[in-house]
């Protein structure tokens, strides 16, 4: 019956996604390079991707999931708050959670902008 209090407790940990996001392009490039240069690596990855638990998704798709997580939480909370009655006991916690998650989203977006600007400088 309540989400706000739970997400509020977990929200501070979401800032670490900024580091993941900041290094995402480099990690993706590294995986793609290793797949091209090493047949054994490519075979292992492809064998794992064929497993039912992977849901027919590539490693790269799975690597994208954490990047999308914070925006999904933010959208979820916004929608939740639209439907949550004003007098709900979860209202204040949900609003605070949205504030914290929005801060984490801004942190991730700043990490992306920093990565992009660093790439531009290095060219």
C-alpha atoms as a PDB file:
ATOM      1  CA  UNK A   1       0.000   0.000   0.000  1.00  0.00           C
ATOM      2  CA  UNK A   2       3.020   2.343   0.263  1.00  0.00           C
ATOM      3  CA  UNK A   3       5.877   3.040  -2.124  1.00  0.00           C
ATOM      4  CA  UNK A   4       7.148   6.425  -1.082  1.00  0.00           C
ATOM      5  CA  UNK A   5       8.826   5.387   2.149  1.00  0.00           C
ATOM      6  CA  UNK A   6      10.622   2.470   0.481  1.00  0.00           C
ATOM      7  CA  UNK A   7      11.892   4.487  -2.478  1.00  0.00           C
ATOM      8  CA  UNK A   8      12.882   7.321  -0.180  1.00  0.00           C
ATOM      9  CA  UNK A   9      15.236   5.001   1.688  1.00  0.00           C
ATOM     10  CA  UNK A  10      16.751   3.632  -1.530  1.00  0.00           C
ATOM     11  CA  UNK A  11      16.986   6.889  -3.494  1.00  0.00           C
ATOM     12  CA  UNK A  12      20.410   7.998  -2.174  1.00  0.00           C
ATOM     13  CA  UNK A  13      21.950   4.834  -3.614  1.00  0.00           C
ATOM     14  CA  UNK A  14      20.742   5.755  -7.088  1.00  0.00           C
ATOM     15  CA  UNK A  15      23.423   8.422  -7.436  1.00  0.00           C
ATOM     16  CA  UNK A  16      25.967   5.683  -8.058  1.00  0.00           C
ATOM     17  CA  UNK A  17      24.228   5.074 -11.384  1.00  0.00           C
ATOM     18  CA  UNK A  18      25.894   8.306 -12.508  1.00  0.00           C
ATOM     19  CA  UNK A  19      29.255   6.537 -12.537  1.00  0.00           C
ATOM     20  CA  UNK A  20      27.814   3.661 -14.537  1.00  0.00           C
ATOM     21  CA  UNK A  21      26.210   6.049 -17.010  1.00  0.00           C
ATOM     22  CA  UNK A  22      29.388   8.092 -17.304  1.00  0.00           C
ATOM     23  CA  UNK A  23      31.357   4.995 -18.325  1.00  0.00           C
ATOM     24  CA  UNK A  24      28.609   3.348 -20.341  1.00  0.00           C
ATOM     25  CA  UNK A  25      29.825   4.293 -23.827  1.00  0.00           C
ATOM     26  CA  UNK A  26      33.362   3.186 -23.046  1.00  0.00           C
ATOM     27  CA  UNK A  27      32.121  -0.124 -21.642  1.00  0.00           C
ATOM     28  CA  UNK A  28      29.884  -0.674 -24.662  1.00  0.00           C
ATOM     29  CA  UNK A  29      32.785   0.066 -27.013  1.00  0.00           C
ATOM     30  CA  UNK A  30      34.994  -2.336 -25.087  1.00  0.00           C
ATOM     31  CA  UNK A  31      32.443  -5.156 -25.283  1.00  0.00           C
ATOM     32  CA  UNK A  32      31.969  -4.588 -29.007  1.00  0.00           C
ATOM     33  CA  UNK A  33      35.734  -4.491 -29.590  1.00  0.00           C
ATOM     34  CA  UNK A  34      36.261  -7.694 -27.605  1.00  0.00           C
ATOM     35  CA  UNK A  35      33.463  -9.372 -29.555  1.00  0.00           C
ATOM     36  CA  UNK A  36      35.194  -8.428 -32.821  1.00  0.00           C
ATOM     37  CA  UNK A  37      38.723  -9.324 -31.759  1.00  0.00           C
ATOM     38  CA  UNK A  38      38.173 -12.488 -29.759  1.00  0.00           C
ATOM     39  CA  UNK A  39      36.212 -15.390 -31.148  1.00  0.00           C
ATOM     40  CA  UNK A  40      36.233 -17.281 -27.824  1.00  0.00           C
ATOM     41  CA  UNK A  41      34.825 -14.222 -26.036  1.00  0.00           C
ATOM     42  CA  UNK A  42      32.201 -13.772 -28.742  1.00  0.00           C
ATOM     43  CA  UNK A  43      31.243 -17.457 -28.520  1.00  0.00           C
ATOM     44  CA  UNK A  44      30.861 -17.315 -24.733  1.00  0.00           C
ATOM     45  CA  UNK A  45      28.711 -14.177 -24.923  1.00  0.00           C
ATOM     46  CA  UNK A  46      26.558 -15.616 -27.699  1.00  0.00           C
ATOM     47  CA  UNK A  47      26.072 -18.881 -25.794  1.00  0.00           C
ATOM     48  CA  UNK A  48      24.964 -16.982 -22.717  1.00  0.00           C
ATOM     49  CA  UNK A  49      22.634 -14.776 -24.779  1.00  0.00           C
ATOM     50  CA  UNK A  50      20.918 -17.883 -26.155  1.00  0.00           C
ATOM     51  CA  UNK A  51      19.826 -18.930 -22.664  1.00  0.00           C
ATOM     52  CA  UNK A  52      16.149 -18.505 -21.883  1.00  0.00           C
ATOM     53  CA  UNK A  53      16.928 -16.384 -18.820  1.00  0.00           C
ATOM     54  CA  UNK A  54      18.357 -13.698 -21.156  1.00  0.00           C
ATOM     55  CA  UNK A  55      14.999 -13.234 -22.847  1.00  0.00           C
ATOM     56  CA  UNK A  56      16.514 -13.159 -26.343  1.00  0.00           C
ATOM     57  CA  UNK A  57      18.336  -9.927 -25.478  1.00  0.00           C
ATOM     58  CA  UNK A  58      21.974  -9.186 -26.184  1.00  0.00           C
ATOM     59  CA  UNK A  59      24.562  -8.320 -23.565  1.00  0.00           C
ATOM     60  CA  UNK A  60      24.406  -4.746 -24.825  1.00  0.00           C
ATOM     61  CA  UNK A  61      20.662  -4.609 -24.174  1.00  0.00           C
ATOM     62  CA  UNK A  62      21.197  -5.848 -20.632  1.00  0.00           C
ATOM     63  CA  UNK A  63      23.919  -3.254 -20.126  1.00  0.00           C
ATOM     64  CA  UNK A  64      21.424  -0.534 -21.096  1.00  0.00           C
ATOM     65  CA  UNK A  65      18.955  -1.488 -18.353  1.00  0.00           C
ATOM     66  CA  UNK A  66      20.699   0.398 -15.503  1.00  0.00           C
ATOM     67  CA  UNK A  67      20.859   3.528 -17.665  1.00  0.00           C
ATOM     68  CA  UNK A  68      17.083   3.403 -18.071  1.00  0.00           C
ATOM     69  CA  UNK A  69      16.288   2.558 -14.445  1.00  0.00           C
ATOM     70  CA  UNK A  70      16.289   6.030 -12.871  1.00  0.00           C
ATOM     71  CA  UNK A  71      14.095   7.627 -15.564  1.00  0.00           C
ATOM     72  CA  UNK A  72      11.670   4.718 -15.141  1.00  0.00           C
ATOM     73  CA  UNK A  73      11.476   5.257 -11.382  1.00  0.00           C
ATOM     74  CA  UNK A  74      10.907   8.955 -11.956  1.00  0.00           C
ATOM     75  CA  UNK A  75       8.065   8.287 -14.413  1.00  0.00           C
ATOM     76  CA  UNK A  76       6.580   5.675 -12.104  1.00  0.00           C
ATOM     77  CA  UNK A  77       6.511   8.088  -9.178  1.00  0.00           C
ATOM     78  CA  UNK A  78       5.062  10.931 -11.239  1.00  0.00           C
ATOM     79  CA  UNK A  79       2.256   8.667 -12.433  1.00  0.00           C
ATOM     80  CA  UNK A  80       1.766   7.276  -8.919  1.00  0.00           C
ATOM     81  CA  UNK A  81       1.447  10.784  -7.488  1.00  0.00           C
ATOM     82  CA  UNK A  82      -1.115  11.757 -10.150  1.00  0.00           C
ATOM     83  CA  UNK A  83      -3.322   8.889  -9.039  1.00  0.00           C
ATOM     84  CA  UNK A  84      -2.592   9.080  -5.314  1.00  0.00           C
ATOM     85  CA  UNK A  85      -5.263  10.885  -3.283  1.00  0.00           C
ATOM     86  CA  UNK A  86      -4.066  14.074  -1.578  1.00  0.00           C
ATOM     87  CA  UNK A  87      -4.955  12.670   1.844  1.00  0.00           C
ATOM     88  CA  UNK A  88      -3.030   9.431   1.335  1.00  0.00           C
ATOM     89  CA  UNK A  89      -0.567   8.604   4.130  1.00  0.00           C
ATOM     90  CA  UNK A  90       2.028   7.866   1.424  1.00  0.00           C
ATOM     91  CA  UNK A  91       1.696  11.287  -0.243  1.00  0.00           C
ATOM     92  CA  UNK A  92       4.529  13.109   1.543  1.00  0.00           C
ATOM     93  CA  UNK A  93       6.917  10.165   1.308  1.00  0.00           C
ATOM     94  CA  UNK A  94       6.160   9.720  -2.396  1.00  0.00           C
ATOM     95  CA  UNK A  95       6.753  13.431  -3.039  1.00  0.00           C
ATOM     96  CA  UNK A  96      10.051  13.295  -1.149  1.00  0.00           C
ATOM     97  CA  UNK A  97      11.024  10.132  -3.077  1.00  0.00           C
ATOM     98  CA  UNK A  98      10.296  11.886  -6.362  1.00  0.00           C
ATOM     99  CA  UNK A  99      12.464  14.798  -5.276  1.00  0.00           C
ATOM    100  CA  UNK A 100      15.348  12.465  -4.374  1.00  0.00           C
ATOM    101  CA  UNK A 101      15.016  10.388  -7.535  1.00  0.00           C
ATOM    102  CA  UNK A 102      14.857  13.532  -9.662  1.00  0.00           C
ATOM    103  CA  UNK A 103      18.106  14.619  -8.015  1.00  0.00           C
ATOM    104  CA  UNK A 104      19.653  11.247  -8.901  1.00  0.00           C
ATOM    105  CA  UNK A 105      18.379  11.635 -12.489  1.00  0.00           C
ATOM    106  CA  UNK A 106      19.940  15.094 -12.672  1.00  0.00           C
ATOM    107  CA  UNK A 107      23.189  13.618 -11.324  1.00  0.00           C
ATOM    108  CA  UNK A 108      23.160  10.951 -14.058  1.00  0.00           C
ATOM    109  CA  UNK A 109      22.339  13.529 -16.724  1.00  0.00           C
ATOM    110  CA  UNK A 110      25.213  15.701 -15.508  1.00  0.00           C
ATOM    111  CA  UNK A 111      27.512  12.679 -15.742  1.00  0.00           C
ATOM    112  CA  UNK A 112      26.383  12.136 -19.342  1.00  0.00           C
ATOM    113  CA  UNK A 113      26.952  15.803 -20.222  1.00  0.00           C
ATOM    114  CA  UNK A 114      30.404  15.679 -18.635  1.00  0.00           C
ATOM    115  CA  UNK A 115      31.270  12.537 -20.583  1.00  0.00           C
ATOM    116  CA  UNK A 116      30.078  14.095 -23.849  1.00  0.00           C
ATOM    117  CA  UNK A 117      32.006  17.309 -23.258  1.00  0.00           C
ATOM    118  CA  UNK A 118      35.141  15.339 -22.342  1.00  0.00           C
ATOM    119  CA  UNK A 119      34.817  13.340 -25.550  1.00  0.00           C
ATOM    120  CA  UNK A 120      34.504  16.570 -27.542  1.00  0.00           C
ATOM    121  CA  UNK A 121      37.627  17.979 -25.906  1.00  0.00           C
ATOM    122  CA  UNK A 122      39.603  14.825 -26.643  1.00  0.00           C
ATOM    123  CA  UNK A 123      38.830  14.947 -30.369  1.00  0.00           C
END
